[in-house]
Amino acid sequence: METIQVKTVDPLSQGLLRSAFQRGIILNWDRYEKQQPQDGFLRLGLSCPYGCMQGPCRLDPFGRGPERGLCGLSRDEMVAALLLRLTLFGALEGMAGSGRIEELTWAPPLGNLVSRAVKNLGGQKISTGDLVRSASFLNRPMASPDSLILQALRLSILTLGWLAKKTSPQNRKKGLNLKVGYGLLAQKEINIGVCGQLSPDFLQAIQEELSNKGQLVSLGDWILFKDKLLPLVCSSGETELVLTSGKINLLLGGPGTDLSLIELCRALNIPLILTQDLKAAKEALLEIKPDRSASSPMNFNPLPSLVEEAEVVSSSTKLKEIFEKERTKKLAFLGGDDHLYHPLGWIPTEVTPALQGKGFSVAGWGDAALWMIKKGLASPKSKTPVKILDGCQGPILALKALGGSGRLKDLTRICFTGMKCCQDLAVALGLAALGLRVSVAIPLPLWGSERIRHLLQEKLAALSGSLTHFDHPADAQEILDWFIK
């Protein structure tokens, strides 16, 4: 626990960490440390991504071991194919929940950017047929690295199209109010934690059953409920800490809930409902003890005032109006998921004030945005409050709004502080393919081939974009330097 300060920047979270350590509770940081060193071949992109049953083959990054796979695959082809495979997964994630499969249409300004990009990416219309083409490329290693990179870029743009299709209605005139912080746990006798994707009808029935004695609170997920966002106790990386606090009386877990939360609930004897079985949920509510904190050695009792509020912009129409009124000419976007490579909250809470001090207007999404809210950076009382973008739409929403307001040229750079799924990688790649300058604060599996890194940058440069990434977890100063250089 001597490294507690490099795990999270929140003092209350640090206290929960100490308590968990004293009680012998295994959390995500413990699992992360036990995984070290993680697979260096995969981190470099030198583990074969093809569906071959004669492998898996891995290549030596130092040139002293295998230089080709059993089929003759070189490091350049291997790294390029892994990028395509990850982007394909990202496109499929973006497509999920979009309704029936159909050809995408691109409304301005995305349509104009996509048309420009397509000319440099083979000329053929980008469509769902690119999914089949990508799968065929990953059947046997026959395609050239150039073709693999080109196909990955096409898929990344397709991912943006699916996500743009799923955005909120354009007629929302007001933003969504969001409350964030540990103080939420002290505001009601009963706290029902919600994770994953649960139906609004199920949540409504639970809320009615609770009446005024309890509340639904989200643990790390942006959940729209009754045209509002559920109060968010914490970012995704802190969810396990919240379960150890003794303040969660019942966890409702829908699709997408991490396995670690399920196991932790069982270890801590926290009631858990994993199906949308209303009868079972009501029975669990009857067994609830109003306050579990008394059984916690730490006796975690945050002040009710430890809650920050912010307005979340979920409509490109609303965001367009904000951009049109804004006088600041330099726009910086900073968002993404928690990642254990960094102390939780470090980059967003360090870089954002520094950018504001240099005259930037900052917008955030995801876990990074939650840390900004907790720090008070999105408060209306702030001189230049951060704009908080819907956690499910993020930079796609802003891209549409900026195009509509004629301010795309003012968007300086976009940084992903962390990534959790392949969709995040596909989005970052797609934004760069549309001509934007993008960076990622965590390593990407491209460092096993210098040629592939250069090839990707050449293709993005031809599209007027760039993707900056590091061979190590970038620190806050490196990200700040990237923004202002």
Foldseek 3Di string as FASTA:
>chain_A
DVCLCFAAVDPLLSLLVVLCVVVVHDAPVNVVVVCPPPDPQQLQQQFAPAPDPVDRDGDDLVPPDDQADPVRHGLLLSNLLVLLVLLLQLLVVLQPPLPDFDWFDDDPPLNVLVCLLCVLLPVDDQGPVLSVVSVVCRHDVDDDSLNSLSSSLSSLQSSLRSLLSPADDQPPQFFAKEKEEQLVLQPALAEEEEEDDDDLVLVVLVPVLCDRRYAYAYDADFDQHPNHTHHYHAHNSCRLSVVLQQSHQEYEYEPPDDPVVVVSCVVVVRHYHYDSPNVVVSVSVVVTDRTGNVVRPSSDDDHNPLMFMATADRHLNNVLVVVLPDPQLAEEEEEAGDDSLGRQQAQLVVQVVVVVVVRYAYEYEHNSVSSCRSVVQQPPPDPRRYHYYYNSNGVSSVVNSCRVNVRPVNHQEYEHADYDGSSVVSNQSNVLSSQGEYEYQARHNNNSDPVSQVSSQVSSVVSNGGYHYDSGRHHNVVVNVVRPD
